[in-house]
C-alpha atoms as a PDB file:
ATOM      1  CA  MET A   1      22.569 -12.460  16.137  1.00  0.00           C
ATOM      2  CA  LEU A   2      18.952 -13.449  15.533  1.00  0.00           C
ATOM      3  CA  LYS A   3      18.242 -17.144  15.753  1.00  0.00           C
ATOM      4  CA  PRO A   4      17.666 -18.455  12.192  1.00  0.00           C
ATOM      5  CA  TYR A   5      14.206 -19.713  11.344  1.00  0.00           C
ATOM      6  CA  ALA A   6      13.019 -21.820   8.402  1.00  0.00           C
ATOM      7  CA  GLY A   7      11.504 -19.733   5.642  1.00  0.00           C
ATOM      8  CA  PHE A   8      13.131 -16.483   6.799  1.00  0.00           C
ATOM      9  CA  ILE A   9      16.243 -14.494   5.901  1.00  0.00           C
ATOM     10  CA  SER A  10      18.108 -12.229   8.291  1.00  0.00           C
ATOM     11  CA  GLY A  11      18.270  -8.549   7.407  1.00  0.00           C
ATOM     12  CA  VAL A  12      19.678  -5.377   8.955  1.00  0.00           C
ATOM     13  CA  ILE A  13      17.900  -2.055   9.515  1.00  0.00           C
ATOM     14  CA  THR A  14      19.690   0.600   7.442  1.00  0.00           C
ATOM     15  CA  GLN A  15      17.280   3.531   7.700  1.00  0.00           C
ATOM     16  CA  LYS A  16      14.337   4.626   9.811  1.00  0.00           C
ATOM     17  CA  THR A  17      11.999   7.548   9.140  1.00  0.00           C
ATOM     18  CA  TYR A  18       9.302   8.762  11.527  1.00  0.00           C
ATOM     19  CA  TRP A  19       6.213  10.339   9.955  1.00  0.00           C
ATOM     20  CA  THR A  20       4.454  10.602  13.321  1.00  0.00           C
ATOM     21  CA  GLU A  21       5.234   9.198  16.759  1.00  0.00           C
ATOM     22  CA  GLN A  22       3.694   5.860  15.787  1.00  0.00           C
ATOM     23  CA  LEU A  23       3.961   5.877  11.973  1.00  0.00           C
ATOM     24  CA  PHE A  24       7.381   5.101  10.540  1.00  0.00           C
ATOM     25  CA  SER A  25       9.253   3.604   7.599  1.00  0.00           C
ATOM     26  CA  ILE A  26      12.207   1.242   7.758  1.00  0.00           C
ATOM     27  CA  ARG A  27      14.638   0.023   5.139  1.00  0.00           C
ATOM     28  CA  VAL A  28      16.146  -3.439   5.538  1.00  0.00           C
ATOM     29  CA  ALA A  29      19.237  -4.739   3.748  1.00  0.00           C
ATOM     30  CA  GLY A  30      19.763  -8.417   3.089  1.00  0.00           C
ATOM     31  CA  LYS A  31      20.116 -11.151   0.489  1.00  0.00           C
ATOM     32  CA  PHE A  32      16.395 -11.260  -0.228  1.00  0.00           C
ATOM     33  CA  ASN A  33      14.659 -12.863  -3.175  1.00  0.00           C
ATOM     34  CA  SER A  34      12.976 -10.937  -5.973  1.00  0.00           C
ATOM     35  CA  TYR A  35       9.327  -9.900  -5.869  1.00  0.00           C
ATOM     36  CA  ILE A  36       6.630  -8.157  -7.916  1.00  0.00           C
ATOM     37  CA  ALA A  37       5.541  -4.590  -7.163  1.00  0.00           C
ATOM     38  CA  GLY A  38       2.462  -4.744  -4.941  1.00  0.00           C
ATOM     39  CA  GLN A  39       3.453  -7.925  -3.105  1.00  0.00           C
ATOM     40  CA  PHE A  40       4.190  -8.386   0.604  1.00  0.00           C
ATOM     41  CA  VAL A  41       6.543 -10.358   2.826  1.00  0.00           C
ATOM     42  CA  LYS A  42       6.435 -11.236   6.507  1.00  0.00           C
ATOM     43  CA  LEU A  43       8.614  -9.467   9.057  1.00  0.00           C
ATOM     44  CA  ALA A  44       9.414 -11.345  12.243  1.00  0.00           C
ATOM     45  CA  LEU A  45      11.134 -11.084  15.605  1.00  0.00           C
ATOM     46  CA  HIS A  46      11.420 -13.434  18.564  1.00  0.00           C
ATOM     47  CA  ASP A  47       9.537 -12.620  21.757  1.00  0.00           C
ATOM     48  CA  GLU A  48      10.872 -13.013  25.291  1.00  0.00           C
ATOM     49  CA  GLN A  49      10.064 -16.739  25.225  1.00  0.00           C
ATOM     50  CA  GLY A  50      11.886 -17.244  21.942  1.00  0.00           C
ATOM     51  CA  GLU A  51       8.689 -17.680  19.940  1.00  0.00           C
ATOM     52  CA  LEU A  52       8.608 -16.112  16.490  1.00  0.00           C
ATOM     53  CA  ILE A  53       6.148 -13.236  16.053  1.00  0.00           C
ATOM     54  CA  ARG A  54       5.416 -12.490  12.412  1.00  0.00           C
ATOM     55  CA  ARG A  55       3.184 -10.222  10.376  1.00  0.00           C
ATOM     56  CA  ALA A  56       2.729  -9.388   6.691  1.00  0.00           C
ATOM     57  CA  TYR A  57       3.909  -5.999   5.406  1.00  0.00           C
ATOM     58  CA  SER A  58       3.792  -4.739   1.834  1.00  0.00           C
ATOM     59  CA  ILE A  59       6.979  -3.577   0.162  1.00  0.00           C
ATOM     60  CA  VAL A  60       7.065   0.152  -0.610  1.00  0.00           C
ATOM     61  CA  ASN A  61       9.971   0.296  -3.062  1.00  0.00           C
ATOM     62  CA  HIS A  62       9.905  -1.069  -6.593  1.00  0.00           C
ATOM     63  CA  PRO A  63      11.873  -4.254  -7.438  1.00  0.00           C
ATOM     64  CA  LYS A  64      14.120  -2.252  -9.758  1.00  0.00           C
ATOM     65  CA  GLU A  65      15.181   0.010  -6.877  1.00  0.00           C
ATOM     66  CA  PHE A  66      15.673  -3.052  -4.671  1.00  0.00           C
ATOM     67  CA  ALA A  67      17.923  -4.614  -7.323  1.00  0.00           C
ATOM     68  CA  SER A  68      20.274  -1.642  -7.085  1.00  0.00           C
ATOM     69  CA  SER A  69      20.089  -0.957  -3.340  1.00  0.00           C
ATOM     70  CA  GLY A  70      19.626  -4.457  -1.908  1.00  0.00           C
ATOM     71  CA  GLU A  71      17.096  -2.963   0.518  1.00  0.00           C
ATOM     72  CA  LEU A  72      13.390  -3.449   1.147  1.00  0.00           C
ATOM     73  CA  GLU A  73      11.280  -0.570   2.463  1.00  0.00           C
ATOM     74  CA  PHE A  74       8.214  -0.901   4.692  1.00  0.00           C
ATOM     75  CA  LEU A  75       5.651   1.573   6.057  1.00  0.00           C
ATOM     76  CA  ILE A  76       4.471   0.587   9.533  1.00  0.00           C
ATOM     77  CA  ILE A  77       2.069   1.897  12.158  1.00  0.00           C
ATOM     78  CA  ALA A  78       2.835   0.834  15.721  1.00  0.00           C
ATOM     79  CA  ASN A  79      -0.275  -0.599  17.355  1.00  0.00           C
ATOM     80  CA  PRO A  80       0.104  -0.256  21.150  1.00  0.00           C
ATOM     81  CA  THR A  81      -1.774  -3.531  21.657  1.00  0.00           C
ATOM     82  CA  GLY A  82       0.060  -5.379  18.882  1.00  0.00           C
ATOM     83  CA  GLN A  83       2.687  -8.045  19.451  1.00  0.00           C
ATOM     84  CA  LEU A  84       5.093  -7.150  16.663  1.00  0.00           C
ATOM     85  CA  SER A  85       4.708  -3.508  15.593  1.00  0.00           C
ATOM     86  CA  PRO A  86       5.757  -1.997  18.976  1.00  0.00           C
ATOM     87  CA  ARG A  87       8.908  -4.122  18.775  1.00  0.00           C
ATOM     88  CA  LEU A  88       9.555  -2.936  15.229  1.00  0.00           C
ATOM     89  CA  ARG A  89       9.211   0.650  16.416  1.00  0.00           C
ATOM     90  CA  GLN A  90      11.987   0.090  18.951  1.00  0.00           C
ATOM     91  CA  LEU A  91      14.461  -1.174  16.349  1.00  0.00           C
ATOM     92  CA  GLN A  92      17.401   1.078  15.514  1.00  0.00           C
ATOM     93  CA  MET A  93      19.795   1.184  12.570  1.00  0.00           C
ATOM     94  CA  GLY A  94      22.057  -1.847  12.663  1.00  0.00           C
ATOM     95  CA  ASP A  95      19.501  -4.055  14.411  1.00  0.00           C
ATOM     96  CA  GLU A  96      18.586  -7.388  12.849  1.00  0.00           C
ATOM     97  CA  ILE A  97      15.159  -8.516  11.671  1.00  0.00           C
ATOM     98  CA  LEU A  98      13.833 -11.605   9.935  1.00  0.00           C
ATOM     99  CA  VAL A  99      12.168 -11.338   6.521  1.00  0.00           C
ATOM    100  CA  SER A 100      10.302 -14.196   4.835  1.00  0.00           C
ATOM    101  CA  ASP A 101      12.264 -15.682   1.959  1.00  0.00           C
ATOM    102  CA  SER A 102       9.446 -15.344  -0.574  1.00  0.00           C
ATOM    103  CA  ALA A 103       6.953 -12.613  -1.372  1.00  0.00           C
ATOM    104  CA  ALA A 104       3.233 -13.249  -1.833  1.00  0.00           C
ATOM    105  CA  GLY A 105       0.084 -11.493  -2.955  1.00  0.00           C
ATOM    106  CA  PHE A 106      -1.895 -11.031  -6.151  1.00  0.00           C
ATOM    107  CA  MET A 107      -2.458  -7.269  -5.962  1.00  0.00           C
ATOM    108  CA  THR A 108      -0.178  -6.546  -8.892  1.00  0.00           C
ATOM    109  CA  LEU A 109      -0.492  -4.786 -12.224  1.00  0.00           C
ATOM    110  CA  ASP A 110      -0.347  -8.116 -14.042  1.00  0.00           C
ATOM    111  CA  GLU A 111      -3.687  -9.107 -12.504  1.00  0.00           C
ATOM    112  CA  ILE A 112      -5.527  -6.116 -13.994  1.00  0.00           C
ATOM    113  CA  PRO A 113      -7.517  -6.907 -17.168  1.00  0.00           C
ATOM    114  CA  PRO A 114      -5.549  -5.755 -20.225  1.00  0.00           C
ATOM    115  CA  ASP A 115      -8.401  -3.578 -21.532  1.00  0.00           C
ATOM    116  CA  SER A 116      -8.502  -1.456 -18.350  1.00  0.00           C
ATOM    117  CA  ASN A 117      -7.010   1.994 -18.875  1.00  0.00           C
ATOM    118  CA  GLU A 118      -8.320   3.784 -15.762  1.00  0.00           C
ATOM    119  CA  LEU A 119      -6.643   2.786 -12.500  1.00  0.00           C
ATOM    120  CA  TRP A 120      -8.161   3.675  -9.123  1.00  0.00           C
ATOM    121  CA  LEU A 121      -5.995   2.839  -6.086  1.00  0.00           C
ATOM    122  CA  LEU A 122      -7.925   3.175  -2.808  1.00  0.00           C
ATOM    123  CA  SER A 123      -6.077   2.805   0.505  1.00  0.00           C
ATOM    124  CA  THR A 124      -6.197   3.517   4.202  1.00  0.00           C
ATOM    125  CA  GLY A 125      -3.099   4.449   6.194  1.00  0.00           C
ATOM    126  CA  THR A 126      -0.032   2.342   5.524  1.00  0.00           C
ATOM    127  CA  ALA A 127      -1.759   0.477   2.686  1.00  0.00           C
ATOM    128  CA  ILE A 128      -0.595   3.221   0.336  1.00  0.00           C
ATOM    129  CA  GLY A 129       2.802   1.467   0.415  1.00  0.00           C
ATOM    130  CA  PRO A 130       2.266  -1.212  -2.252  1.00  0.00           C
ATOM    131  CA  TYR A 131       0.669   1.355  -4.568  1.00  0.00           C
ATOM    132  CA  LEU A 132       3.808   3.480  -4.440  1.00  0.00           C
ATOM    133  CA  ALA A 133       5.789   0.462  -5.615  1.00  0.00           C
ATOM    134  CA  MET A 134       3.293  -0.294  -8.392  1.00  0.00           C
ATOM    135  CA  LEU A 135       3.367   3.289  -9.670  1.00  0.00           C
ATOM    136  CA  GLU A 136       7.110   2.968 -10.293  1.00  0.00           C
ATOM    137  CA  GLN A 137       6.569   0.125 -12.752  1.00  0.00           C
ATOM    138  CA  PRO A 138       8.333   0.927 -16.052  1.00  0.00           C
ATOM    139  CA  GLY A 139       5.818   1.625 -18.803  1.00  0.00           C
ATOM    140  CA  ILE A 140       2.852   2.199 -16.484  1.00  0.00           C
ATOM    141  CA  GLU A 141       2.528   5.743 -17.832  1.00  0.00           C
ATOM    142  CA  HIS A 142       1.728   4.268 -21.241  1.00  0.00           C
ATOM    143  CA  ARG A 143      -0.786   1.707 -19.989  1.00  0.00           C
ATOM    144  CA  PHE A 144      -3.249   3.928 -18.109  1.00  0.00           C
ATOM    145  CA  ASN A 145      -4.871   7.135 -19.290  1.00  0.00           C
ATOM    146  CA  THR A 146      -6.089   7.912 -15.763  1.00  0.00           C
ATOM    147  CA  ILE A 147      -4.549   7.061 -12.387  1.00  0.00           C
ATOM    148  CA  VAL A 148      -6.281   8.050  -9.140  1.00  0.00           C
ATOM    149  CA  LEU A 149      -4.468   7.407  -5.853  1.00  0.00           C
ATOM    150  CA  VAL A 150      -6.557   7.749  -2.679  1.00  0.00           C
ATOM    151  CA  ASN A 151      -5.275   7.529   0.888  1.00  0.00           C
ATOM    152  CA  ALA A 152      -7.513   7.889   3.943  1.00  0.00           C
ATOM    153  CA  THR A 153      -5.877   8.724   7.270  1.00  0.00           C
ATOM    154  CA  ARG A 154      -6.926  10.185  10.595  1.00  0.00           C
ATOM    155  CA  THR A 155      -4.603  13.189  10.483  1.00  0.00           C
ATOM    156  CA  GLN A 156      -2.656  15.181   7.916  1.00  0.00           C
ATOM    157  CA  ALA A 157       0.636  14.074   9.473  1.00  0.00           C
ATOM    158  CA  GLU A 158      -0.260  10.472   8.593  1.00  0.00           C
ATOM    159  CA  GLN A 159      -0.343  11.370   4.902  1.00  0.00           C
ATOM    160  CA  SER A 160       3.088   9.847   4.335  1.00  0.00           C
ATOM    161  CA  TYR A 161       5.560  10.202   1.435  1.00  0.00           C
ATOM    162  CA  PRO A 162       4.523  13.722   0.281  1.00  0.00           C
ATOM    163  CA  GLU A 163       7.700  14.083  -1.784  1.00  0.00           C
ATOM    164  CA  LYS A 164       6.980  10.792  -3.557  1.00  0.00           C
ATOM    165  CA  ILE A 165       3.425  11.965  -4.281  1.00  0.00           C
ATOM    166  CA  GLN A 166       4.823  15.138  -5.829  1.00  0.00           C
ATOM    167  CA  GLU A 167       7.197  13.077  -7.968  1.00  0.00           C
ATOM    168  CA  LEU A 168       4.253  11.041  -9.237  1.00  0.00           C
ATOM    169  CA  LYS A 169       2.343  14.212 -10.106  1.00  0.00           C
ATOM    170  CA  THR A 170       5.337  15.361 -12.127  1.00  0.00           C
ATOM    171  CA  LYS A 171       5.813  11.955 -13.743  1.00  0.00           C
ATOM    172  CA  PHE A 172       2.211  11.404 -14.839  1.00  0.00           C
ATOM    173  CA  GLY A 173       1.030  14.993 -15.251  1.00  0.00           C
ATOM    174  CA  GLU A 174      -2.680  15.515 -15.819  1.00  0.00           C
ATOM    175  CA  ARG A 175      -3.440  11.812 -15.968  1.00  0.00           C
ATOM    176  CA  PHE A 176      -2.619  11.474 -12.230  1.00  0.00           C
ATOM    177  CA  THR A 177      -4.787  12.642  -9.315  1.00  0.00           C
ATOM    178  CA  TYR A 178      -4.001  12.253  -5.627  1.00  0.00           C
ATOM    179  CA  VAL A 179      -6.979  12.440  -3.276  1.00  0.00           C
ATOM    180  CA  PRO A 180      -6.190  12.647   0.462  1.00  0.00           C
ATOM    181  CA  ILE A 181      -9.002  11.871   2.901  1.00  0.00           C
ATOM    182  CA  ILE A 182      -8.560  13.017   6.508  1.00  0.00           C
ATOM    183  CA  SER A 183     -11.122  12.038   9.110  1.00  0.00           C
ATOM    184  CA  ARG A 184     -10.116  13.805  12.325  1.00  0.00           C
ATOM    185  CA  GLU A 185      -8.951  17.183  11.044  1.00  0.00           C
ATOM    186  CA  SER A 186     -10.296  19.778   8.650  1.00  0.00           C
ATOM    187  CA  VAL A 187      -7.581  20.231   6.035  1.00  0.00           C
ATOM    188  CA  ARG A 188      -7.881  22.377   2.946  1.00  0.00           C
ATOM    189  CA  GLY A 189      -7.702  20.301  -0.213  1.00  0.00           C
ATOM    190  CA  ALA A 190      -8.558  17.049   1.559  1.00  0.00           C
ATOM    191  CA  LEU A 191     -11.858  15.217   1.667  1.00  0.00           C
ATOM    192  CA  SER A 192     -13.526  14.272   4.917  1.00  0.00           C
ATOM    193  CA  GLY A 193     -15.422  11.060   5.528  1.00  0.00           C
ATOM    194  CA  ARG A 194     -15.074   7.381   4.769  1.00  0.00           C
ATOM    195  CA  ILE A 195     -14.197   5.873   1.404  1.00  0.00           C
ATOM    196  CA  PRO A 196     -17.415   3.792   1.039  1.00  0.00           C
ATOM    197  CA  MET A 197     -19.597   6.848   1.668  1.00  0.00           C
ATOM    198  CA  LEU A 198     -17.530   9.010  -0.682  1.00  0.00           C
ATOM    199  CA  LEU A 199     -17.902   6.385  -3.399  1.00  0.00           C
ATOM    200  CA  GLU A 200     -21.667   6.142  -3.072  1.00  0.00           C
ATOM    201  CA  ASN A 201     -22.375   9.870  -2.879  1.00  0.00           C
ATOM    202  CA  GLY A 202     -20.050  10.595  -5.808  1.00  0.00           C
ATOM    203  CA  VAL A 203     -17.812  13.017  -3.897  1.00  0.00           C
ATOM    204  CA  LEU A 204     -14.709  10.913  -4.515  1.00  0.00           C
ATOM    205  CA  PHE A 205     -15.357  10.884  -8.245  1.00  0.00           C
ATOM    206  CA  GLN A 206     -15.899  14.655  -8.249  1.00  0.00           C
ATOM    207  CA  ALA A 207     -12.566  15.148  -6.479  1.00  0.00           C
ATOM    208  CA  ALA A 208     -10.891  13.031  -9.159  1.00  0.00           C
ATOM    209  CA  THR A 209     -12.472  15.337 -11.791  1.00  0.00           C
ATOM    210  CA  SER A 210     -14.309  12.575 -13.641  1.00  0.00           C
ATOM    211  CA  PRO A 211     -16.396   9.467 -12.911  1.00  0.00           C
ATOM    212  CA  PRO A 212     -14.876   6.101 -13.816  1.00  0.00           C
ATOM    213  CA  ASN A 213     -15.816   4.496 -17.105  1.00  0.00           C
ATOM    214  CA  PRO A 214     -17.516   1.168 -16.238  1.00  0.00           C
ATOM    215  CA  THR A 215     -16.052  -0.514 -19.316  1.00  0.00           C
ATOM    216  CA  SER A 216     -12.425   0.533 -18.849  1.00  0.00           C
ATOM    217  CA  CYS A 217     -11.803   1.203 -15.137  1.00  0.00           C
ATOM    218  CA  PHE A 218     -10.252  -0.956 -12.448  1.00  0.00           C
ATOM    219  CA  PHE A 219     -10.224  -0.417  -8.674  1.00  0.00           C
ATOM    220  CA  TYR A 220      -7.788  -1.866  -6.158  1.00  0.00           C
ATOM    221  CA  LEU A 221      -8.840  -1.702  -2.497  1.00  0.00           C
ATOM    222  CA  CYS A 222      -6.194  -2.141   0.171  1.00  0.00           C
ATOM    223  CA  GLY A 223      -6.183  -1.439   3.885  1.00  0.00           C
ATOM    224  CA  ASN A 224      -8.538  -1.712   6.816  1.00  0.00           C
ATOM    225  CA  PRO A 225     -10.725  -4.830   6.346  1.00  0.00           C
ATOM    226  CA  ALA A 226     -13.861  -2.815   7.154  1.00  0.00           C
ATOM    227  CA  MET A 227     -13.026  -0.316   4.404  1.00  0.00           C
ATOM    228  CA  VAL A 228     -12.315  -3.107   1.929  1.00  0.00           C
ATOM    229  CA  LYS A 229     -15.566  -4.917   2.707  1.00  0.00           C
ATOM    230  CA  GLU A 230     -17.778  -1.826   2.726  1.00  0.00           C
ATOM    231  CA  SER A 231     -16.141  -0.279  -0.341  1.00  0.00           C
ATOM    232  CA  SER A 232     -16.622  -3.540  -2.216  1.00  0.00           C
ATOM    233  CA  GLU A 233     -20.333  -3.373  -1.408  1.00  0.00           C
ATOM    234  CA  SER A 234     -20.450   0.275  -2.484  1.00  0.00           C
ATOM    235  CA  LEU A 235     -18.833  -0.549  -5.815  1.00  0.00           C
ATOM    236  CA  LYS A 236     -21.323  -3.366  -6.372  1.00  0.00           C
ATOM    237  CA  LYS A 237     -24.176  -0.928  -5.739  1.00  0.00           C
ATOM    238  CA  LEU A 238     -22.668   1.357  -8.361  1.00  0.00           C
ATOM    239  CA  GLY A 239     -22.708  -1.453 -10.900  1.00  0.00           C
ATOM    240  CA  PHE A 240     -19.112  -2.672 -10.722  1.00  0.00           C
ATOM    241  CA  ARG A 241     -18.249  -6.360 -10.498  1.00  0.00           C
ATOM    242  CA  LYS A 242     -15.606  -8.108  -8.411  1.00  0.00           C
ATOM    243  CA  HIS A 243     -12.700  -9.281 -10.530  1.00  0.00           C
ATOM    244  CA  LEU A 244     -12.029 -12.996 -10.799  1.00  0.00           C
ATOM    245  CA  ARG A 245      -9.546 -14.689 -13.098  1.00  0.00           C
ATOM    246  CA  ARG A 246     -12.321 -16.805 -14.584  1.00  0.00           C
ATOM    247  CA  GLN A 247     -14.622 -13.772 -14.853  1.00  0.00           C
ATOM    248  CA  PRO A 248     -12.918 -10.368 -15.285  1.00  0.00           C
ATOM    249  CA  GLY A 249     -14.413  -7.491 -13.331  1.00  0.00           C
ATOM    250  CA  GLN A 250     -13.701  -3.939 -12.247  1.00  0.00           C
ATOM    251  CA  PHE A 251     -12.347  -4.271  -8.702  1.00  0.00           C
ATOM    252  CA  SER A 252     -10.192  -6.450  -6.504  1.00  0.00           C
ATOM    253  CA  SER A 253      -8.833  -6.128  -2.990  1.00  0.00           C
ATOM    254  CA  GLU A 254      -6.328  -7.091  -0.361  1.00  0.00           C
ATOM    255  CA  ASN A 255      -6.924  -6.839   3.372  1.00  0.00           C
ATOM    256  CA  TYR A 256      -3.980  -5.238   5.115  1.00  0.00           C
ATOM    257  CA  TRP A 257      -4.206  -7.255   8.299  1.00  0.00           C
END
């Protein structure tokens, strides 16, 4: 058994799905506390010296699904030079893992100004995970007239959860657009390039069929810190303002590591 650690709860791997050799999803069962769609927890394991290695990972499944299954789902990319992710990749069903006892993060639907009815969700790689949870929120289909989900990856194989994307297209119909961006392959139907550039040159807006309305849109940025920083600057150049609780704006962000 894993050695207990303050602030963490022991869980058991119940499912593991490989999207590529290094990109995978795991489901973890345990007596975890509730959370809000879009939030993250920390996963942890002990190293050879018994020290706890921990890292934040967003939860992919919606709290309602967790309430019925008792499982949390995470999308993970194994970084060969990382301390934790290679160890997570080696875990098999039935193995134990530590999960922080409370979720954190403010990238939730509740933080979006109430008068926003266009939702733009921009992500790189595994950062699509929290958006998938948010898009399962009951009533979201009545709150937003337009939902654009963007995920930038290196290869087509890294475009994870295709069946879930199709379910969202069916659920939201014409009000939903999924825009894949693939940088290292030429794939029909996918954009090529980087999110900041595609914002500034208008190509991303063209792919989503319509430009955002400055008075009613809201952007979330999640993923690679460079993308978040540069996309924030691009949005400022386009006339959008960073959202603060004391001063509502049109975009907010969360770095994914």
